């Protein structure tokens, strides 16, 4: 009897943000990034730090999967918290 295990590596989650002190630091630290790494695993996330407007364009063009710290009225389509 043989056993085969197949592991398919999922695409990495692309996260974008502007740099904010203690929240989304340029070095990948900050509370928002810490939370995302706990949820998805640090090895599964690619973080891009750029200006808010560039990040917003990247999100709207579907070049990143998650945009941290976005204003509700600035996105065309997204899942946002009610609060």
N, C-alpha and C. Protein backbone atom coordinates (compact mmCIF):
# COMPACT_ATOMS: atom_id res chain seq x y z
N UNK A 1 0.85 -1.16 0.00
CA UNK A 1 0.00 0.00 0.00
C UNK A 1 0.90 1.23 0.00
N UNK A 2 0.59 2.20 -0.85
CA UNK A 2 1.36 3.44 -0.94
C UNK A 2 0.50 4.62 -0.52
N UNK A 3 1.16 5.57 0.08
CA UNK A 3 0.49 6.81 0.46
C UNK A 3 1.17 7.97 -0.25
N UNK A 4 0.39 8.82 -0.82
CA UNK A 4 0.93 10.00 -1.50
C UNK A 4 0.36 11.24 -0.84
N UNK A 5 1.22 12.18 -0.59
CA UNK A 5 0.79 13.45 -0.02
C UNK A 5 1.16 14.54 -1.03
N UNK A 6 0.19 15.30 -1.40
CA UNK A 6 0.42 16.40 -2.33
C UNK A 6 0.17 17.71 -1.60
N UNK A 7 1.11 18.58 -1.71
CA UNK A 7 0.96 19.91 -1.13
C UNK A 7 1.01 20.92 -2.26
N UNK A 8 -0.02 21.64 -2.39
CA UNK A 8 -0.04 22.72 -3.39
C UNK A 8 0.17 24.03 -2.64
N UNK A 9 1.18 24.76 -3.07
CA UNK A 9 1.45 26.04 -2.42
C UNK A 9 0.51 27.09 -2.99
N UNK A 10 -0.26 27.70 -2.12
CA UNK A 10 -1.18 28.74 -2.54
C UNK A 10 -0.40 30.01 -2.85
N UNK A 11 -1.00 30.85 -3.65
CA UNK A 11 -0.37 32.14 -3.91
C UNK A 11 -0.22 32.92 -2.62
N UNK A 12 0.80 33.73 -2.58
CA UNK A 12 1.02 34.55 -1.39
C UNK A 12 0.02 35.70 -1.39
N UNK A 13 -0.33 36.15 -0.22
CA UNK A 13 -1.26 37.26 -0.05
C UNK A 13 -0.47 38.55 -0.18
N UNK A 14 -0.91 39.40 -1.06
CA UNK A 14 -0.23 40.68 -1.30
C UNK A 14 -0.92 41.76 -0.48
N UNK A 15 -0.17 42.35 0.45
CA UNK A 15 -0.69 43.38 1.36
C UNK A 15 -0.02 44.70 1.06
N UNK A 16 -0.81 45.75 0.96
CA UNK A 16 -0.27 47.09 0.72
C UNK A 16 -0.69 48.04 1.82
N UNK A 17 0.15 49.02 2.06
CA UNK A 17 -0.15 50.03 3.07
C UNK A 17 0.80 51.21 2.93
N UNK A 18 0.38 52.33 3.45
CA UNK A 18 1.27 53.46 3.66
C UNK A 18 1.97 53.18 5.00
N UNK A 19 3.07 53.84 5.29
CA UNK A 19 3.79 53.64 6.55
C UNK A 19 3.17 54.53 7.63
N UNK A 20 2.76 53.90 8.74
CA UNK A 20 2.20 54.61 9.89
C UNK A 20 2.94 54.12 11.12
N UNK A 21 3.34 55.05 11.96
CA UNK A 21 4.08 54.71 13.18
C UNK A 21 3.29 53.72 14.04
N UNK A 22 3.95 52.63 14.42
CA UNK A 22 3.42 51.58 15.30
C UNK A 22 2.27 50.75 14.70
N UNK A 23 1.82 51.10 13.53
CA UNK A 23 0.68 50.41 12.94
C UNK A 23 1.11 49.61 11.71
N UNK A 24 1.78 50.27 10.76
CA UNK A 24 2.29 49.63 9.55
C UNK A 24 3.66 50.23 9.25
N UNK A 25 4.67 49.72 9.88
CA UNK A 25 6.03 50.26 9.73
C UNK A 25 6.68 49.77 8.44
N UNK A 26 7.63 50.54 7.92
CA UNK A 26 8.33 50.19 6.67
C UNK A 26 9.05 48.86 6.75
N UNK A 27 9.46 48.46 7.96
CA UNK A 27 10.20 47.20 8.12
C UNK A 27 9.27 45.98 8.24
N UNK A 28 7.97 46.18 8.07
CA UNK A 28 7.02 45.07 8.16
C UNK A 28 6.49 44.82 9.55
N UNK A 29 6.89 45.65 10.51
CA UNK A 29 6.36 45.52 11.87
C UNK A 29 5.13 46.42 12.00
N UNK A 30 4.54 46.40 13.15
CA UNK A 30 3.33 47.19 13.40
C UNK A 30 2.16 46.27 13.70
N UNK A 31 1.19 46.79 14.42
CA UNK A 31 0.08 45.98 14.92
C UNK A 31 -0.76 45.38 13.79
N UNK A 32 -1.00 46.12 12.73
CA UNK A 32 -1.81 45.56 11.63
C UNK A 32 -1.08 44.41 10.94
N UNK A 33 0.21 44.59 10.69
CA UNK A 33 0.97 43.52 10.05
C UNK A 33 1.13 42.32 10.98
N UNK A 34 1.29 42.58 12.26
CA UNK A 34 1.39 41.48 13.23
C UNK A 34 0.12 40.64 13.21
N UNK A 35 -1.01 41.30 13.17
CA UNK A 35 -2.30 40.61 13.12
C UNK A 35 -2.43 39.78 11.84
N UNK A 36 -2.10 40.37 10.70
CA UNK A 36 -2.18 39.64 9.44
C UNK A 36 -1.24 38.44 9.42
N UNK A 37 -0.05 38.60 9.98
CA UNK A 37 0.90 37.48 10.04
C UNK A 37 0.40 36.37 10.95
N UNK A 38 -0.28 36.72 12.02
CA UNK A 38 -0.86 35.71 12.91
C UNK A 38 -1.98 34.94 12.22
N UNK A 39 -2.75 35.64 11.42
CA UNK A 39 -3.88 35.00 10.73
C UNK A 39 -3.41 34.13 9.57
N UNK A 40 -2.56 34.68 8.71
CA UNK A 40 -2.19 34.01 7.48
C UNK A 40 -0.83 33.34 7.51
N UNK A 41 -0.01 33.66 8.49
CA UNK A 41 1.36 33.14 8.57
C UNK A 41 2.30 34.09 7.85
N UNK A 42 3.38 34.46 8.50
CA UNK A 42 4.33 35.42 7.94
C UNK A 42 4.90 34.98 6.61
N UNK A 43 5.04 33.67 6.42
CA UNK A 43 5.62 33.15 5.18
C UNK A 43 4.65 33.25 4.00
N UNK A 44 3.40 33.58 4.26
CA UNK A 44 2.39 33.64 3.20
C UNK A 44 2.03 35.06 2.78
N UNK A 45 2.74 36.04 3.30
CA UNK A 45 2.38 37.44 3.06
C UNK A 45 3.55 38.19 2.42
N UNK A 46 3.24 38.95 1.38
CA UNK A 46 4.18 39.90 0.79
C UNK A 46 3.66 41.30 1.12
N UNK A 47 4.48 42.10 1.77
CA UNK A 47 4.08 43.44 2.20
C UNK A 47 4.74 44.47 1.29
N UNK A 48 3.94 45.41 0.82
CA UNK A 48 4.43 46.53 0.03
C UNK A 48 4.04 47.82 0.73
N UNK A 49 5.03 48.66 1.00
CA UNK A 49 4.78 49.97 1.59
C UNK A 49 4.95 51.01 0.50
N UNK A 50 3.90 51.77 0.27
CA UNK A 50 3.95 52.85 -0.72
C UNK A 50 2.96 53.93 -0.30
N UNK A 51 2.90 55.00 -1.04
CA UNK A 51 1.99 56.08 -0.68
C UNK A 51 0.55 55.57 -0.67
N UNK A 52 -0.30 56.26 0.06
CA UNK A 52 -1.71 55.86 0.14
C UNK A 52 -2.33 55.78 -1.25
N UNK A 53 -2.12 56.78 -2.07
CA UNK A 53 -2.75 56.82 -3.39
C UNK A 53 -2.23 55.72 -4.31
N UNK A 54 -0.94 55.40 -4.24
CA UNK A 54 -0.41 54.29 -5.04
C UNK A 54 -0.97 52.96 -4.55
N UNK A 55 -1.06 52.80 -3.23
CA UNK A 55 -1.65 51.58 -2.67
C UNK A 55 -3.10 51.43 -3.08
N UNK A 56 -3.83 52.52 -3.06
CA UNK A 56 -5.24 52.50 -3.46
C UNK A 56 -5.37 52.11 -4.93
N UNK A 57 -4.52 52.65 -5.78
CA UNK A 57 -4.55 52.28 -7.20
C UNK A 57 -4.19 50.80 -7.37
N UNK A 58 -3.18 50.33 -6.65
CA UNK A 58 -2.80 48.91 -6.73
C UNK A 58 -3.95 48.02 -6.31
N UNK A 59 -4.67 48.41 -5.26
CA UNK A 59 -5.81 47.62 -4.78
C UNK A 59 -6.93 47.63 -5.82
N UNK A 60 -7.28 48.81 -6.31
CA UNK A 60 -8.37 48.91 -7.30
C UNK A 60 -8.01 48.21 -8.61
N UNK A 61 -6.73 48.13 -8.94
CA UNK A 61 -6.27 47.41 -10.13
C UNK A 61 -6.03 45.93 -9.85
N UNK A 62 -6.35 45.48 -8.63
CA UNK A 62 -6.21 44.10 -8.18
C UNK A 62 -4.78 43.60 -8.24
N UNK A 63 -3.83 44.49 -7.97
CA UNK A 63 -2.42 44.11 -7.89
C UNK A 63 -2.04 43.72 -6.47
N UNK A 64 -2.84 44.12 -5.50
CA UNK A 64 -2.68 43.66 -4.11
C UNK A 64 -4.02 43.15 -3.63
N UNK A 65 -3.98 42.26 -2.64
CA UNK A 65 -5.20 41.63 -2.13
C UNK A 65 -5.81 42.37 -0.95
N UNK A 66 -4.95 42.95 -0.13
CA UNK A 66 -5.40 43.65 1.08
C UNK A 66 -4.74 45.02 1.11
N UNK A 67 -5.54 46.04 1.37
CA UNK A 67 -5.02 47.39 1.58
C UNK A 67 -5.37 47.79 3.00
N UNK A 68 -4.36 48.02 3.79
CA UNK A 68 -4.56 48.32 5.22
C UNK A 68 -4.75 49.82 5.39
N UNK A 69 -5.78 50.20 6.15
CA UNK A 69 -6.00 51.60 6.50
C UNK A 69 -6.66 52.41 5.41
N UNK A 70 -7.55 51.80 4.69
CA UNK A 70 -8.22 52.48 3.59
C UNK A 70 -9.52 53.15 4.07
N UNK A 71 -9.87 54.25 3.45
CA UNK A 71 -11.14 54.90 3.73
C UNK A 71 -12.22 54.27 2.87
N UNK A 72 -13.35 53.99 3.47
CA UNK A 72 -14.46 53.30 2.80
C UNK A 72 -14.83 53.96 1.46
N UNK A 73 -14.88 55.25 1.44
CA UNK A 73 -15.32 55.95 0.23
C UNK A 73 -14.26 55.95 -0.89
N UNK A 74 -13.05 55.48 -0.57
CA UNK A 74 -11.98 55.48 -1.58
C UNK A 74 -11.87 54.18 -2.37
N UNK A 75 -12.62 53.16 -2.02
CA UNK A 75 -12.50 51.89 -2.73
C UNK A 75 -13.77 51.60 -3.51
N UNK A 76 -13.57 50.97 -4.69
CA UNK A 76 -14.70 50.63 -5.54
C UNK A 76 -15.46 49.44 -5.00
N UNK A 77 -14.70 48.42 -4.58
CA UNK A 77 -15.31 47.18 -4.09
C UNK A 77 -14.38 46.57 -3.07
N UNK A 78 -14.90 46.30 -1.88
CA UNK A 78 -14.05 45.73 -0.82
C UNK A 78 -14.93 45.17 0.29
N UNK A 79 -14.31 44.35 1.12
CA UNK A 79 -14.96 43.87 2.33
C UNK A 79 -14.41 44.73 3.47
N UNK A 80 -15.30 45.45 4.12
CA UNK A 80 -14.90 46.37 5.19
C UNK A 80 -15.71 46.08 6.45
N UNK A 81 -15.15 46.37 7.62
CA UNK A 81 -15.93 46.19 8.85
C UNK A 81 -17.03 47.26 8.94
N UNK A 82 -18.09 46.93 9.63
CA UNK A 82 -19.19 47.88 9.82
C UNK A 82 -18.81 49.04 10.75
N UNK A 83 -17.88 48.79 11.68
CA UNK A 83 -17.51 49.83 12.61
C UNK A 83 -16.49 50.72 11.99
